[in-house]
């Protein structure tokens, strides 16, 4: 489930997994897969300085109505927009104890690409480090602390966390690279 994270210029915005059967993340109106996000973070963690020329491939839904109603979809009462389509295909589990992020969610990427296509445009957004240890992802700039919170969220499988505490390989690789990194954007951030 997406949570609210502070940005420097746009206030709090939503970030996170929105369906337990996918590794797709949303960042307000941007949608992208966690493996791409983690792979990029791993690359940056391998360098003392951030690679400033990177972009992230995303699906952007500019009309909020086309995003859909997450809570309505979870409760099975309002399947609108892209999120509604995802919950038609992969409904919220009947047993709340089964509400855990699937570590094999990357296997549904082609299904989610097909579902998002009618609602979104594909583009690239900047994913760059800025002054004062800030990170810009598209229109949103995060201070170091907020950016690290995004990484911790992905590392734990968001809310509700990874099923059976099993993380995808791309997450464990990202965590290992961050733990070994000398890049100061990751100062103070350690994964278990």
C-alpha atoms as a PDB file:
ATOM      1  CA  UNK A   1       0.000   0.000   0.000  1.00  0.00           C
ATOM      2  CA  UNK A   2       1.407   3.417  -0.904  1.00  0.00           C
ATOM      3  CA  UNK A   3       2.344   5.736   1.938  1.00  0.00           C
ATOM      4  CA  UNK A   4       2.832   9.488   2.126  1.00  0.00           C
ATOM      5  CA  UNK A   5       6.378  10.842   1.797  1.00  0.00           C
ATOM      6  CA  UNK A   6       7.486  14.493   2.044  1.00  0.00           C
ATOM      7  CA  UNK A   7       8.929  16.349  -0.931  1.00  0.00           C
ATOM      8  CA  UNK A   8      10.691  19.698  -0.867  1.00  0.00           C
ATOM      9  CA  UNK A   9       8.378  21.606  -3.219  1.00  0.00           C
ATOM     10  CA  UNK A  10       5.142  19.610  -3.552  1.00  0.00           C
ATOM     11  CA  UNK A  11       4.400  18.609   0.037  1.00  0.00           C
ATOM     12  CA  UNK A  12       3.528  15.009   0.843  1.00  0.00           C
ATOM     13  CA  UNK A  13       2.999  12.636  -2.086  1.00  0.00           C
ATOM     14  CA  UNK A  14       2.097   8.957  -2.453  1.00  0.00           C
ATOM     15  CA  UNK A  15       4.788   6.379  -3.098  1.00  0.00           C
ATOM     16  CA  UNK A  16       4.656   2.617  -2.988  1.00  0.00           C
ATOM     17  CA  UNK A  17       3.377  -0.728  -4.103  1.00  0.00           C
ATOM     18  CA  UNK A  18      -0.364  -0.696  -4.781  1.00  0.00           C
ATOM     19  CA  UNK A  19      -1.148  -4.336  -5.605  1.00  0.00           C
ATOM     20  CA  UNK A  20       0.546  -7.282  -3.892  1.00  0.00           C
ATOM     21  CA  UNK A  21       0.806  -9.274  -7.132  1.00  0.00           C
ATOM     22  CA  UNK A  22       2.989  -6.701  -8.883  1.00  0.00           C
ATOM     23  CA  UNK A  23       6.361  -5.105  -8.334  1.00  0.00           C
ATOM     24  CA  UNK A  24       5.044  -1.896  -9.917  1.00  0.00           C
ATOM     25  CA  UNK A  25       5.442   1.224  -7.800  1.00  0.00           C
ATOM     26  CA  UNK A  26       3.585   4.483  -8.000  1.00  0.00           C
ATOM     27  CA  UNK A  27       5.093   7.869  -7.289  1.00  0.00           C
ATOM     28  CA  UNK A  28       2.071  10.153  -7.404  1.00  0.00           C
ATOM     29  CA  UNK A  29       1.176  10.024 -11.141  1.00  0.00           C
ATOM     30  CA  UNK A  30       4.269   8.052 -12.201  1.00  0.00           C
ATOM     31  CA  UNK A  31       4.255   4.257 -12.384  1.00  0.00           C
ATOM     32  CA  UNK A  32       7.393   2.126 -12.812  1.00  0.00           C
ATOM     33  CA  UNK A  33       8.705  -1.277 -11.871  1.00  0.00           C
ATOM     34  CA  UNK A  34      10.678  -1.825  -8.681  1.00  0.00           C
ATOM     35  CA  UNK A  35      13.363  -3.837 -10.433  1.00  0.00           C
ATOM     36  CA  UNK A  36      14.294  -0.834 -12.614  1.00  0.00           C
ATOM     37  CA  UNK A  37      14.266   1.457  -9.590  1.00  0.00           C
ATOM     38  CA  UNK A  38      16.434  -0.887  -7.486  1.00  0.00           C
ATOM     39  CA  UNK A  39      18.844  -1.591 -10.336  1.00  0.00           C
ATOM     40  CA  UNK A  40      19.436   2.127 -10.780  1.00  0.00           C
ATOM     41  CA  UNK A  41      19.969   2.625  -7.047  1.00  0.00           C
ATOM     42  CA  UNK A  42      22.450  -0.277  -7.080  1.00  0.00           C
ATOM     43  CA  UNK A  43      24.341   1.375  -9.933  1.00  0.00           C
ATOM     44  CA  UNK A  44      24.554   4.676  -8.058  1.00  0.00           C
ATOM     45  CA  UNK A  45      25.622   2.930  -4.853  1.00  0.00           C
ATOM     46  CA  UNK A  46      28.568   1.437  -6.759  1.00  0.00           C
ATOM     47  CA  UNK A  47      29.922   4.925  -7.455  1.00  0.00           C
ATOM     48  CA  UNK A  48      31.269   7.435  -4.989  1.00  0.00           C
ATOM     49  CA  UNK A  49      29.331  10.106  -6.859  1.00  0.00           C
ATOM     50  CA  UNK A  50      25.878   9.833  -8.367  1.00  0.00           C
ATOM     51  CA  UNK A  51      25.548   9.274 -12.103  1.00  0.00           C
ATOM     52  CA  UNK A  52      23.812  12.551 -13.107  1.00  0.00           C
ATOM     53  CA  UNK A  53      22.752  11.515 -16.598  1.00  0.00           C
ATOM     54  CA  UNK A  54      20.237   8.811 -15.700  1.00  0.00           C
ATOM     55  CA  UNK A  55      16.562   8.753 -16.510  1.00  0.00           C
ATOM     56  CA  UNK A  56      13.849   6.399 -15.356  1.00  0.00           C
ATOM     57  CA  UNK A  57      11.353   4.917 -17.814  1.00  0.00           C
ATOM     58  CA  UNK A  58       7.865   5.468 -16.447  1.00  0.00           C
ATOM     59  CA  UNK A  59       4.196   5.326 -17.278  1.00  0.00           C
ATOM     60  CA  UNK A  60       2.553   8.652 -16.472  1.00  0.00           C
ATOM     61  CA  UNK A  61      -1.160   9.018 -15.798  1.00  0.00           C
ATOM     62  CA  UNK A  62      -1.936  12.724 -15.982  1.00  0.00           C
ATOM     63  CA  UNK A  63      -5.691  12.493 -15.325  1.00  0.00           C
ATOM     64  CA  UNK A  64      -6.225  11.533 -11.643  1.00  0.00           C
ATOM     65  CA  UNK A  65      -9.522   9.825 -12.552  1.00  0.00           C
ATOM     66  CA  UNK A  66      -7.536   7.411 -14.721  1.00  0.00           C
ATOM     67  CA  UNK A  67      -5.353   6.421 -11.754  1.00  0.00           C
ATOM     68  CA  UNK A  68      -8.408   5.013  -9.985  1.00  0.00           C
ATOM     69  CA  UNK A  69      -9.629   4.600  -6.433  1.00  0.00           C
ATOM     70  CA  UNK A  70      -7.249   2.398  -4.418  1.00  0.00           C
ATOM     71  CA  UNK A  71      -9.435   2.002  -1.342  1.00  0.00           C
ATOM     72  CA  UNK A  72     -12.567   1.363  -3.435  1.00  0.00           C
ATOM     73  CA  UNK A  73     -10.683  -1.261  -5.447  1.00  0.00           C
ATOM     74  CA  UNK A  74      -9.255  -2.927  -2.326  1.00  0.00           C
ATOM     75  CA  UNK A  75     -12.768  -3.220  -0.882  1.00  0.00           C
ATOM     76  CA  UNK A  76     -14.115  -4.480  -4.223  1.00  0.00           C
ATOM     77  CA  UNK A  77     -16.685  -1.699  -4.541  1.00  0.00           C
ATOM     78  CA  UNK A  78     -15.155   0.684  -7.086  1.00  0.00           C
ATOM     79  CA  UNK A  79     -12.970  -0.582  -9.906  1.00  0.00           C
ATOM     80  CA  UNK A  80     -12.151   2.625 -11.768  1.00  0.00           C
ATOM     81  CA  UNK A  81      -9.048   3.591 -13.707  1.00  0.00           C
ATOM     82  CA  UNK A  82      -5.824   1.639 -13.863  1.00  0.00           C
ATOM     83  CA  UNK A  83      -5.812   0.626 -10.209  1.00  0.00           C
ATOM     84  CA  UNK A  84      -9.363  -0.639 -10.539  1.00  0.00           C
ATOM     85  CA  UNK A  85      -8.283  -2.833 -13.463  1.00  0.00           C
ATOM     86  CA  UNK A  86      -5.433  -4.290 -11.415  1.00  0.00           C
ATOM     87  CA  UNK A  87      -7.830  -5.274  -8.627  1.00  0.00           C
ATOM     88  CA  UNK A  88     -10.278  -6.834 -11.090  1.00  0.00           C
ATOM     89  CA  UNK A  89      -7.459  -9.120 -12.229  1.00  0.00           C
ATOM     90  CA  UNK A  90      -5.748  -9.512  -8.836  1.00  0.00           C
ATOM     91  CA  UNK A  91      -8.315  -8.838  -6.072  1.00  0.00           C
ATOM     92  CA  UNK A  92      -7.451  -8.101  -2.485  1.00  0.00           C
ATOM     93  CA  UNK A  93      -7.099 -11.409  -0.597  1.00  0.00           C
ATOM     94  CA  UNK A  94     -10.174 -12.557   1.298  1.00  0.00           C
ATOM     95  CA  UNK A  95      -7.999 -13.436   4.286  1.00  0.00           C
ATOM     96  CA  UNK A  96      -6.205 -10.265   5.484  1.00  0.00           C
ATOM     97  CA  UNK A  97      -3.330 -12.459   6.745  1.00  0.00           C
ATOM     98  CA  UNK A  98      -2.497 -13.132   3.083  1.00  0.00           C
ATOM     99  CA  UNK A  99      -2.006  -9.408   2.448  1.00  0.00           C
ATOM    100  CA  UNK A 100       1.752  -9.604   1.821  1.00  0.00           C
ATOM    101  CA  UNK A 101       3.818  -8.275  -1.083  1.00  0.00           C
ATOM    102  CA  UNK A 102       4.597 -11.107  -3.509  1.00  0.00           C
ATOM    103  CA  UNK A 103       8.374 -11.361  -4.054  1.00  0.00           C
ATOM    104  CA  UNK A 104       7.610 -12.870  -7.479  1.00  0.00           C
ATOM    105  CA  UNK A 105       5.559  -9.840  -8.508  1.00  0.00           C
ATOM    106  CA  UNK A 106       8.099  -9.108 -11.251  1.00  0.00           C
ATOM    107  CA  UNK A 107       6.619 -12.082 -13.131  1.00  0.00           C
ATOM    108  CA  UNK A 108       3.405 -10.099 -13.773  1.00  0.00           C
ATOM    109  CA  UNK A 109       5.115  -7.125 -15.427  1.00  0.00           C
ATOM    110  CA  UNK A 110       3.743  -7.880 -18.913  1.00  0.00           C
ATOM    111  CA  UNK A 111       0.203  -8.151 -17.534  1.00  0.00           C
ATOM    112  CA  UNK A 112       0.547  -4.789 -15.769  1.00  0.00           C
ATOM    113  CA  UNK A 113       2.073  -3.181 -18.883  1.00  0.00           C
ATOM    114  CA  UNK A 114      -0.989  -4.271 -20.866  1.00  0.00           C
ATOM    115  CA  UNK A 115      -3.384  -2.988 -18.187  1.00  0.00           C
ATOM    116  CA  UNK A 116      -1.739   0.438 -17.836  1.00  0.00           C
ATOM    117  CA  UNK A 117      -1.397   1.141 -21.565  1.00  0.00           C
ATOM    118  CA  UNK A 118      -4.942   2.581 -22.066  1.00  0.00           C
ATOM    119  CA  UNK A 119      -4.469   4.986 -19.159  1.00  0.00           C
ATOM    120  CA  UNK A 120      -0.875   6.197 -19.402  1.00  0.00           C
ATOM    121  CA  UNK A 121       1.808   7.590 -21.631  1.00  0.00           C
ATOM    122  CA  UNK A 122       5.318   6.155 -21.612  1.00  0.00           C
ATOM    123  CA  UNK A 123       8.103   8.623 -21.038  1.00  0.00           C
ATOM    124  CA  UNK A 124      11.329   9.127 -19.145  1.00  0.00           C
ATOM    125  CA  UNK A 125      11.911  11.358 -16.161  1.00  0.00           C
ATOM    126  CA  UNK A 126      15.134  12.605 -14.574  1.00  0.00           C
ATOM    127  CA  UNK A 127      16.412  10.604 -11.626  1.00  0.00           C
ATOM    128  CA  UNK A 128      19.280  12.750 -10.429  1.00  0.00           C
ATOM    129  CA  UNK A 129      21.164  13.867  -7.400  1.00  0.00           C
ATOM    130  CA  UNK A 130      21.005  17.562  -6.596  1.00  0.00           C
ATOM    131  CA  UNK A 131      22.821  19.824  -4.160  1.00  0.00           C
ATOM    132  CA  UNK A 132      22.635  19.216  -0.411  1.00  0.00           C
ATOM    133  CA  UNK A 133      22.166  15.455  -0.808  1.00  0.00           C
ATOM    134  CA  UNK A 134      18.754  15.824  -2.417  1.00  0.00           C
ATOM    135  CA  UNK A 135      17.404  13.498  -5.095  1.00  0.00           C
ATOM    136  CA  UNK A 136      15.013  14.483  -7.848  1.00  0.00           C
ATOM    137  CA  UNK A 137      12.721  11.895  -9.419  1.00  0.00           C
ATOM    138  CA  UNK A 138      10.692  13.563 -12.152  1.00  0.00           C
ATOM    139  CA  UNK A 139       8.956  16.617 -10.679  1.00  0.00           C
ATOM    140  CA  UNK A 140       9.606  15.573  -7.088  1.00  0.00           C
ATOM    141  CA  UNK A 141      12.657  16.411  -4.994  1.00  0.00           C
ATOM    142  CA  UNK A 142      13.380  14.547  -1.768  1.00  0.00           C
ATOM    143  CA  UNK A 143      15.847  15.492   0.913  1.00  0.00           C
ATOM    144  CA  UNK A 144      18.294  12.775   1.947  1.00  0.00           C
ATOM    145  CA  UNK A 145      16.142  11.525   4.813  1.00  0.00           C
ATOM    146  CA  UNK A 146      12.954  11.245   2.724  1.00  0.00           C
ATOM    147  CA  UNK A 147      14.838   9.593  -0.145  1.00  0.00           C
ATOM    148  CA  UNK A 148      16.284   7.028   2.252  1.00  0.00           C
ATOM    149  CA  UNK A 149      12.756   6.364   3.550  1.00  0.00           C
ATOM    150  CA  UNK A 150      11.696   5.475  -0.017  1.00  0.00           C
ATOM    151  CA  UNK A 151      14.540   2.956  -0.166  1.00  0.00           C
ATOM    152  CA  UNK A 152      13.661   1.463   3.223  1.00  0.00           C
ATOM    153  CA  UNK A 153      10.028   1.143   2.124  1.00  0.00           C
ATOM    154  CA  UNK A 154      11.012  -0.856  -0.972  1.00  0.00           C
ATOM    155  CA  UNK A 155      13.482  -2.905   1.053  1.00  0.00           C
ATOM    156  CA  UNK A 156      10.843  -4.092   3.492  1.00  0.00           C
ATOM    157  CA  UNK A 157       8.217  -4.714   0.797  1.00  0.00           C
ATOM    158  CA  UNK A 158       6.259  -1.619   1.679  1.00  0.00           C
ATOM    159  CA  UNK A 159       3.217  -1.995   3.781  1.00  0.00           C
ATOM    160  CA  UNK A 160       2.391  -4.964   4.235  1.00  0.00           C
ATOM    161  CA  UNK A 161       6.002  -6.233   3.785  1.00  0.00           C
ATOM    162  CA  UNK A 162       7.382  -9.151   1.763  1.00  0.00           C
ATOM    163  CA  UNK A 163       5.564 -12.455   1.871  1.00  0.00           C
ATOM    164  CA  UNK A 164       7.456 -14.927   4.096  1.00  0.00           C
ATOM    165  CA  UNK A 165      10.092 -12.179   4.531  1.00  0.00           C
ATOM    166  CA  UNK A 166      11.471 -13.249   1.127  1.00  0.00           C
ATOM    167  CA  UNK A 167      12.839 -10.391  -0.967  1.00  0.00           C
ATOM    168  CA  UNK A 168      13.412 -10.400  -4.731  1.00  0.00           C
ATOM    169  CA  UNK A 169      17.062 -10.639  -5.756  1.00  0.00           C
ATOM    170  CA  UNK A 170      17.049  -7.069  -7.095  1.00  0.00           C
ATOM    171  CA  UNK A 171      16.103  -5.797  -3.625  1.00  0.00           C
ATOM    172  CA  UNK A 172      18.786  -7.794  -1.799  1.00  0.00           C
ATOM    173  CA  UNK A 173      21.349  -6.638  -4.390  1.00  0.00           C
ATOM    174  CA  UNK A 174      20.315  -2.996  -3.845  1.00  0.00           C
ATOM    175  CA  UNK A 175      20.575  -3.392  -0.083  1.00  0.00           C
ATOM    176  CA  UNK A 176      24.011  -5.018  -0.331  1.00  0.00           C
ATOM    177  CA  UNK A 177      25.289  -2.277  -2.671  1.00  0.00           C
ATOM    178  CA  UNK A 178      23.984   0.444  -0.337  1.00  0.00           C
ATOM    179  CA  UNK A 179      25.512  -1.223   2.728  1.00  0.00           C
ATOM    180  CA  UNK A 180      28.906  -1.285   0.986  1.00  0.00           C
ATOM    181  CA  UNK A 181      28.621   2.130  -0.656  1.00  0.00           C
ATOM    182  CA  UNK A 182      30.854   5.126   0.017  1.00  0.00           C
ATOM    183  CA  UNK A 183      28.359   7.423  -1.721  1.00  0.00           C
ATOM    184  CA  UNK A 184      27.344   9.986   0.915  1.00  0.00           C
ATOM    185  CA  UNK A 185      23.700  10.025  -0.205  1.00  0.00           C
ATOM    186  CA  UNK A 186      23.437   6.688   1.626  1.00  0.00           C
ATOM    187  CA  UNK A 187      25.239   7.836   4.809  1.00  0.00           C
ATOM    188  CA  UNK A 188      23.507   6.400   7.866  1.00  0.00           C
ATOM    189  CA  UNK A 189      21.383   3.976   5.856  1.00  0.00           C
ATOM    190  CA  UNK A 190      21.977   0.300   6.591  1.00  0.00           C
ATOM    191  CA  UNK A 191      19.856  -2.713   5.752  1.00  0.00           C
ATOM    192  CA  UNK A 192      19.816  -5.881   7.871  1.00  0.00           C
END
